[in-house]
PDB file of N, CA and C in Angstrom:
ATOM      1  N   MET A   1     187.512  -7.428 -93.306  1.00  0.00           N
ATOM      2  CA  MET A   1     186.700  -8.097 -94.117  1.00  0.00           C
ATOM      3  C   MET A   1     187.368  -9.239 -94.823  1.00  0.00           C
ATOM      4  N   GLY A   2     188.760  -8.978 -95.310  1.00  0.00           N
ATOM      5  CA  GLY A   2     189.543  -9.893 -96.144  1.00  0.00           C
ATOM      6  C   GLY A   2     189.973 -11.141 -95.364  1.00  0.00           C
ATOM      7  N   HIS A   3     190.222 -10.908 -94.031  1.00  0.00           N
ATOM      8  CA  HIS A   3     190.601 -12.101 -93.079  1.00  0.00           C
ATOM      9  C   HIS A   3     189.340 -12.977 -93.065  1.00  0.00           C
ATOM     10  N   LEU A   4     188.062 -12.362 -92.934  1.00  0.00           N
ATOM     11  CA  LEU A   4     186.830 -13.330 -92.964  1.00  0.00           C
ATOM     12  C   LEU A   4     186.638 -14.093 -94.173  1.00  0.00           C
ATOM     13  N   ASN A   5     186.906 -13.584 -95.172  1.00  0.00           N
ATOM     14  CA  ASN A   5     186.734 -14.206 -96.511  1.00  0.00           C
ATOM     15  C   ASN A   5     187.763 -15.258 -96.712  1.00  0.00           C
ATOM     16  N   GLN A   6     189.116 -15.087 -96.092  1.00  0.00           N
ATOM     17  CA  GLN A   6     190.194 -16.112 -96.130  1.00  0.00           C
ATOM     18  C   GLN A   6     189.728 -17.218 -95.071  1.00  0.00           C
ATOM     19  N   ILE A   7     189.295 -16.904 -94.063  1.00  0.00           N
ATOM     20  CA  ILE A   7     188.711 -17.959 -93.147  1.00  0.00           C
ATOM     21  C   ILE A   7     187.574 -18.624 -93.785  1.00  0.00           C
ATOM     22  N   LEU A   8     186.776 -18.205 -94.388  1.00  0.00           N
ATOM     23  CA  LEU A   8     185.551 -18.939 -94.824  1.00  0.00           C
ATOM     24  C   LEU A   8     186.012 -19.817 -96.102  1.00  0.00           C
ATOM     25  N   SER A   9     186.703 -19.234 -96.924  1.00  0.00           N
ATOM     26  CA  SER A   9     187.160 -20.115 -97.855  1.00  0.00           C
ATOM     27  C   SER A   9     188.206 -21.385 -97.518  1.00  0.00           C
ATOM     28  N   ALA A  10     188.918 -21.065 -96.468  1.00  0.00           N
ATOM     29  CA  ALA A  10     189.749 -22.021 -95.832  1.00  0.00           C
ATOM     30  C   ALA A  10     188.954 -23.159 -95.188  1.00  0.00           C
ATOM     31  N   ILE A  11     187.725 -22.902 -94.644  1.00  0.00           N
ATOM     32  CA  ILE A  11     186.917 -23.696 -93.889  1.00  0.00           C
ATOM     33  C   ILE A  11     186.398 -24.847 -94.834  1.00  0.00           C
ATOM     34  N   GLY A  12     186.022 -24.457 -96.037  1.00  0.00           N
ATOM     35  CA  GLY A  12     185.628 -25.519 -97.100  1.00  0.00           C
ATOM     36  C   GLY A  12     186.631 -26.395 -97.537  1.00  0.00           C
ATOM     37  N   LYS A  13     187.913 -26.139 -97.356  1.00  0.00           N
ATOM     38  CA  LYS A  13     188.939 -26.872 -98.016  1.00  0.00           C
ATOM     39  C   LYS A  13     189.410 -28.073 -97.110  1.00  0.00           C
ATOM     40  N   THR A  14     189.282 -27.972 -95.770  1.00  0.00           N
ATOM     41  CA  THR A  14     189.876 -28.946 -94.837  1.00  0.00           C
ATOM     42  C   THR A  14     188.941 -29.681 -94.248  1.00  0.00           C
ATOM     43  N   PRO A  15     189.097 -30.858 -93.784  1.00  0.00           N
ATOM     44  CA  PRO A  15     188.209 -31.709 -93.074  1.00  0.00           C
ATOM     45  C   PRO A  15     187.919 -31.225 -91.714  1.00  0.00           C
ATOM     46  N   GLU A  16     188.946 -30.647 -91.126  1.00  0.00           N
ATOM     47  CA  GLU A  16     188.663 -29.784 -89.876  1.00  0.00           C
ATOM     48  C   GLU A  16     187.712 -28.720 -90.012  1.00  0.00           C
ATOM     49  N   GLY A  17     187.776 -28.022 -91.204  1.00  0.00           N
ATOM     50  CA  GLY A  17     186.893 -26.987 -91.368  1.00  0.00           C
ATOM     51  C   GLY A  17     185.370 -27.423 -91.509  1.00  0.00           C
ATOM     52  N   HIS A  18     185.298 -28.574 -92.147  1.00  0.00           N
ATOM     53  CA  HIS A  18     183.974 -29.061 -92.369  1.00  0.00           C
ATOM     54  C   HIS A  18     183.420 -29.624 -90.886  1.00  0.00           C
ATOM     55  N   ALA A  19     184.111 -29.885 -90.082  1.00  0.00           N
ATOM     56  CA  ALA A  19     183.771 -30.314 -88.748  1.00  0.00           C
ATOM     57  C   ALA A  19     183.461 -29.175 -87.973  1.00  0.00           C
ATOM     58  N   THR A  20     184.190 -28.016 -88.107  1.00  0.00           N
ATOM     59  CA  THR A  20     183.885 -26.775 -87.450  1.00  0.00           C
ATOM     60  C   THR A  20     182.639 -26.261 -87.928  1.00  0.00           C
ATOM     61  N   LEU A  21     182.590 -26.290 -89.185  1.00  0.00           N
ATOM     62  CA  LEU A  21     181.241 -25.783 -89.749  1.00  0.00           C
ATOM     63  C   LEU A  21     180.106 -26.513 -89.392  1.00  0.00           C
ATOM     64  N   GLY A  22     180.250 -27.739 -89.161  1.00  0.00           N
ATOM     65  CA  GLY A  22     179.296 -28.574 -88.651  1.00  0.00           C
ATOM     66  C   GLY A  22     178.830 -28.198 -87.308  1.00  0.00           C
ATOM     67  N   TYR A  23     179.844 -28.047 -86.468  1.00  0.00           N
ATOM     68  CA  TYR A  23     179.605 -27.581 -84.972  1.00  0.00           C
ATOM     69  C   TYR A  23     178.850 -26.267 -84.930  1.00  0.00           C
ATOM     70  N   PHE A  24     179.379 -25.371 -85.814  1.00  0.00           N
ATOM     71  CA  PHE A  24     178.812 -24.001 -85.823  1.00  0.00           C
ATOM     72  C   PHE A  24     177.280 -24.072 -86.335  1.00  0.00           C
ATOM     73  N   LEU A  25     176.977 -24.965 -87.426  1.00  0.00           N
ATOM     74  CA  LEU A  25     175.574 -25.054 -87.824  1.00  0.00           C
ATOM     75  C   LEU A  25     174.719 -25.733 -86.820  1.00  0.00           C
ATOM     76  N   LEU A  26     175.302 -26.683 -86.285  1.00  0.00           N
ATOM     77  CA  LEU A  26     174.556 -27.456 -85.180  1.00  0.00           C
ATOM     78  C   LEU A  26     174.118 -26.489 -83.943  1.00  0.00           C
ATOM     79  N   GLY A  27     175.252 -25.832 -83.642  1.00  0.00           N
ATOM     80  CA  GLY A  27     174.857 -24.704 -82.424  1.00  0.00           C
ATOM     81  C   GLY A  27     173.731 -23.721 -82.871  1.00  0.00           C
ATOM     82  N   LEU A  28     174.062 -23.227 -84.185  1.00  0.00           N
ATOM     83  CA  LEU A  28     172.983 -22.239 -84.671  1.00  0.00           C
ATOM     84  C   LEU A  28     171.554 -22.776 -84.679  1.00  0.00           C
ATOM     85  N   MET A  29     171.558 -24.021 -85.226  1.00  0.00           N
ATOM     86  CA  MET A  29     170.182 -24.744 -85.418  1.00  0.00           C
ATOM     87  C   MET A  29     169.549 -24.816 -83.833  1.00  0.00           C
ATOM     88  N   SER A  30     170.299 -25.239 -83.044  1.00  0.00           N
ATOM     89  CA  SER A  30     169.906 -25.423 -81.652  1.00  0.00           C
ATOM     90  C   SER A  30     169.550 -24.114 -81.097  1.00  0.00           C
ATOM     91  N   VAL A  31     170.233 -23.038 -81.284  1.00  0.00           N
ATOM     92  CA  VAL A  31     169.884 -21.653 -80.788  1.00  0.00           C
ATOM     93  C   VAL A  31     168.492 -21.272 -81.327  1.00  0.00           C
ATOM     94  N   ILE A  32     168.277 -21.363 -82.720  1.00  0.00           N
ATOM     95  CA  ILE A  32     167.065 -21.125 -83.229  1.00  0.00           C
ATOM     96  C   ILE A  32     165.888 -21.803 -82.821  1.00  0.00           C
ATOM     97  N   PHE A  33     166.178 -23.180 -82.603  1.00  0.00           N
ATOM     98  CA  PHE A  33     165.243 -24.153 -82.060  1.00  0.00           C
ATOM     99  C   PHE A  33     164.756 -23.670 -80.620  1.00  0.00           C
ATOM    100  N   GLY A  34     165.825 -23.316 -79.771  1.00  0.00           N
ATOM    101  CA  GLY A  34     165.622 -22.779 -78.394  1.00  0.00           C
ATOM    102  C   GLY A  34     164.842 -21.679 -78.399  1.00  0.00           C
ATOM    103  N   TRP A  35     165.169 -20.687 -79.290  1.00  0.00           N
ATOM    104  CA  TRP A  35     164.532 -19.423 -79.427  1.00  0.00           C
ATOM    105  C   TRP A  35     163.089 -19.508 -79.701  1.00  0.00           C
ATOM    106  N   ALA A  36     162.759 -20.422 -80.733  1.00  0.00           N
ATOM    107  CA  ALA A  36     161.335 -20.756 -80.982  1.00  0.00           C
ATOM    108  C   ALA A  36     160.530 -21.209 -79.854  1.00  0.00           C
ATOM    109  N   LEU A  37     161.156 -22.293 -79.179  1.00  0.00           N
ATOM    110  CA  LEU A  37     160.601 -22.743 -77.944  1.00  0.00           C
ATOM    111  C   LEU A  37     160.239 -21.688 -76.988  1.00  0.00           C
ATOM    112  N   PHE A  38     161.249 -20.696 -76.806  1.00  0.00           N
ATOM    113  CA  PHE A  38     160.993 -19.683 -75.924  1.00  0.00           C
ATOM    114  C   PHE A  38     159.860 -18.755 -76.378  1.00  0.00           C
ATOM    115  N   GLN A  39     159.654 -18.449 -77.747  1.00  0.00           N
ATOM    116  CA  GLN A  39     158.794 -17.652 -78.127  1.00  0.00           C
ATOM    117  C   GLN A  39     157.275 -18.316 -77.830  1.00  0.00           C
ATOM    118  N   PHE A  40     157.206 -19.732 -78.058  1.00  0.00           N
ATOM    119  CA  PHE A  40     156.046 -20.301 -77.954  1.00  0.00           C
ATOM    120  C   PHE A  40     155.645 -20.413 -76.373  1.00  0.00           C
ATOM    121  N   ASN A  41     156.633 -20.649 -75.428  1.00  0.00           N
ATOM    122  CA  ASN A  41     156.577 -20.623 -74.037  1.00  0.00           C
ATOM    123  C   ASN A  41     156.800 -19.487 -73.268  1.00  0.00           C
ATOM    124  N   SER A  42     156.506 -18.133 -73.976  1.00  0.00           N
ATOM    125  CA  SER A  42     156.967 -17.101 -73.280  1.00  0.00           C
ATOM    126  C   SER A  42     156.192 -16.742 -72.040  1.00  0.00           C
ATOM    127  N   GLU A  43     155.004 -17.220 -71.800  1.00  0.00           N
ATOM    128  CA  GLU A  43     154.202 -17.149 -70.656  1.00  0.00           C
ATOM    129  C   GLU A  43     154.857 -17.884 -69.458  1.00  0.00           C
ATOM    130  N   ASN A  44     155.502 -18.966 -69.745  1.00  0.00           N
ATOM    131  CA  ASN A  44     156.130 -19.690 -68.807  1.00  0.00           C
ATOM    132  C   ASN A  44     157.718 -19.501 -68.793  1.00  0.00           C
ATOM    133  N   ASP A  45     158.355 -19.866 -67.681  1.00  0.00           N
ATOM    134  CA  ASP A  45     159.649 -19.771 -67.519  1.00  0.00           C
ATOM    135  C   ASP A  45     160.362 -20.837 -68.393  1.00  0.00           C
ATOM    136  N   ILE A  46     161.472 -20.569 -68.993  1.00  0.00           N
ATOM    137  CA  ILE A  46     162.082 -21.714 -69.768  1.00  0.00           C
ATOM    138  C   ILE A  46     162.574 -22.837 -68.789  1.00  0.00           C
ATOM    139  N   PRO A  47     162.195 -24.070 -69.137  1.00  0.00           N
ATOM    140  CA  PRO A  47     162.656 -25.048 -68.264  1.00  0.00           C
ATOM    141  C   PRO A  47     164.259 -25.168 -68.200  1.00  0.00           C
ATOM    142  N   LYS A  48     164.899 -25.676 -67.129  1.00  0.00           N
ATOM    143  CA  LYS A  48     166.346 -25.618 -66.946  1.00  0.00           C
ATOM    144  C   LYS A  48     167.045 -26.285 -68.088  1.00  0.00           C
ATOM    145  N   ARG A  49     166.521 -27.442 -68.395  1.00  0.00           N
ATOM    146  CA  ARG A  49     167.310 -28.285 -69.604  1.00  0.00           C
ATOM    147  C   ARG A  49     167.404 -27.457 -70.812  1.00  0.00           C
ATOM    148  N   TYR A  50     166.366 -26.801 -71.226  1.00  0.00           N
ATOM    149  CA  TYR A  50     166.414 -25.798 -72.396  1.00  0.00           C
ATOM    150  C   TYR A  50     167.397 -24.730 -72.189  1.00  0.00           C
ATOM    151  N   ARG A  51     167.347 -24.145 -71.024  1.00  0.00           N
ATOM    152  CA  ARG A  51     168.344 -23.207 -70.816  1.00  0.00           C
ATOM    153  C   ARG A  51     169.858 -23.664 -70.836  1.00  0.00           C
ATOM    154  N   VAL A  52     170.059 -24.838 -70.276  1.00  0.00           N
ATOM    155  CA  VAL A  52     171.370 -25.547 -70.325  1.00  0.00           C
ATOM    156  C   VAL A  52     171.702 -25.878 -71.879  1.00  0.00           C
ATOM    157  N   MET A  53     170.789 -26.433 -72.523  1.00  0.00           N
ATOM    158  CA  MET A  53     170.994 -26.604 -73.960  1.00  0.00           C
ATOM    159  C   MET A  53     171.416 -25.396 -74.746  1.00  0.00           C
ATOM    160  N   LEU A  54     170.731 -24.343 -74.538  1.00  0.00           N
ATOM    161  CA  LEU A  54     170.847 -22.969 -75.308  1.00  0.00           C
ATOM    162  C   LEU A  54     172.304 -22.529 -75.021  1.00  0.00           C
ATOM    163  N   SER A  55     172.679 -22.635 -73.685  1.00  0.00           N
ATOM    164  CA  SER A  55     174.051 -22.072 -73.357  1.00  0.00           C
ATOM    165  C   SER A  55     175.016 -22.810 -73.960  1.00  0.00           C
ATOM    166  N   LEU A  56     174.970 -24.331 -73.950  1.00  0.00           N
ATOM    167  CA  LEU A  56     175.794 -25.200 -74.462  1.00  0.00           C
ATOM    168  C   LEU A  56     175.906 -24.931 -76.029  1.00  0.00           C
ATOM    169  N   SER A  57     174.867 -24.754 -76.710  1.00  0.00           N
ATOM    170  CA  SER A  57     174.928 -24.598 -78.116  1.00  0.00           C
ATOM    171  C   SER A  57     175.566 -23.288 -78.421  1.00  0.00           C
ATOM    172  N   LEU A  58     175.326 -22.233 -77.541  1.00  0.00           N
ATOM    173  CA  LEU A  58     176.146 -20.902 -77.768  1.00  0.00           C
ATOM    174  C   LEU A  58     177.574 -21.147 -77.523  1.00  0.00           C
ATOM    175  N   CYS A  59     177.938 -21.943 -76.721  1.00  0.00           N
ATOM    176  CA  CYS A  59     179.350 -22.352 -76.317  1.00  0.00           C
ATOM    177  C   CYS A  59     179.942 -22.910 -77.622  1.00  0.00           C
ATOM    178  N   ALA A  60     179.124 -23.721 -78.136  1.00  0.00           N
ATOM    179  CA  ALA A  60     179.703 -24.511 -79.505  1.00  0.00           C
ATOM    180  C   ALA A  60     179.959 -23.618 -80.610  1.00  0.00           C
ATOM    181  N   ILE A  61     179.101 -22.573 -80.710  1.00  0.00           N
ATOM    182  CA  ILE A  61     179.210 -21.618 -81.787  1.00  0.00           C
ATOM    183  C   ILE A  61     180.538 -20.809 -81.487  1.00  0.00           C
ATOM    184  N   TRP A  62     180.655 -20.401 -80.405  1.00  0.00           N
ATOM    185  CA  TRP A  62     181.799 -19.516 -80.003  1.00  0.00           C
ATOM    186  C   TRP A  62     183.000 -20.352 -80.044  1.00  0.00           C
ATOM    187  N   LEU A  63     183.044 -21.580 -79.678  1.00  0.00           N
ATOM    188  CA  LEU A  63     184.149 -22.627 -79.637  1.00  0.00           C
ATOM    189  C   LEU A  63     184.613 -22.548 -81.182  1.00  0.00           C
ATOM    190  N   SER A  64     183.548 -23.012 -81.976  1.00  0.00           N
ATOM    191  CA  SER A  64     184.023 -23.170 -83.398  1.00  0.00           C
ATOM    192  C   SER A  64     184.602 -21.935 -84.011  1.00  0.00           C
ATOM    193  N   ILE A  65     184.041 -20.801 -83.731  1.00  0.00           N
ATOM    194  CA  ILE A  65     184.663 -19.490 -84.213  1.00  0.00           C
ATOM    195  C   ILE A  65     186.043 -19.343 -83.817  1.00  0.00           C
ATOM    196  N   ALA A  66     186.097 -19.656 -82.331  1.00  0.00           N
ATOM    197  CA  ALA A  66     187.560 -19.464 -81.857  1.00  0.00           C
ATOM    198  C   ALA A  66     188.561 -20.454 -82.454  1.00  0.00           C
ATOM    199  N   ILE A  67     188.248 -21.742 -82.656  1.00  0.00           N
ATOM    200  CA  ILE A  67     189.013 -22.695 -83.357  1.00  0.00           C
ATOM    201  C   ILE A  67     189.480 -22.290 -84.676  1.00  0.00           C
ATOM    202  N   GLU A  68     188.428 -21.771 -85.497  1.00  0.00           N
ATOM    203  CA  GLU A  68     188.893 -21.329 -86.830  1.00  0.00           C
ATOM    204  C   GLU A  68     189.908 -20.097 -86.765  1.00  0.00           C
ATOM    205  N   ILE A  69     189.710 -19.190 -85.815  1.00  0.00           N
ATOM    206  CA  ILE A  69     190.472 -17.926 -85.690  1.00  0.00           C
ATOM    207  C   ILE A  69     191.870 -18.386 -85.266  1.00  0.00           C
ATOM    208  N   ILE A  70     191.967 -19.282 -84.337  1.00  0.00           N
ATOM    209  CA  ILE A  70     193.454 -19.569 -83.628  1.00  0.00           C
ATOM    210  C   ILE A  70     193.875 -20.546 -84.850  1.00  0.00           C
ATOM    211  N   ASP A  71     193.263 -21.285 -85.539  1.00  0.00           N
ATOM    212  CA  ASP A  71     193.781 -22.179 -86.653  1.00  0.00           C
ATOM    213  C   ASP A  71     194.495 -21.239 -87.718  1.00  0.00           C
ATOM    214  N   HIS A  72     193.880 -20.049 -88.065  1.00  0.00           N
ATOM    215  CA  HIS A  72     194.429 -19.423 -89.235  1.00  0.00           C
ATOM    216  C   HIS A  72     195.488 -18.230 -88.627  1.00  0.00           C
ATOM    217  N   LEU A  73     195.722 -18.239 -87.478  1.00  0.00           N
ATOM    218  CA  LEU A  73     196.798 -17.277 -86.872  1.00  0.00           C
ATOM    219  C   LEU A  73     198.133 -17.525 -87.299  1.00  0.00           C
TER     220      LEU A  73
END
């Protein structure tokens, strides 16, 4: 838990951290948006472009987390 607090406090101090946080929030918002679309369209199959957007935004989230972790090793 201490490592997580260190990472989170370091994110706010560096410009790279702000960029990473931006990627993370953008990905998170895309996932929430995609999930909401899926809820409204649950009787239909998700269109391919939304599935691609969802997987790309999930990748953006994991990439931002990985960058932060590698950055602080």
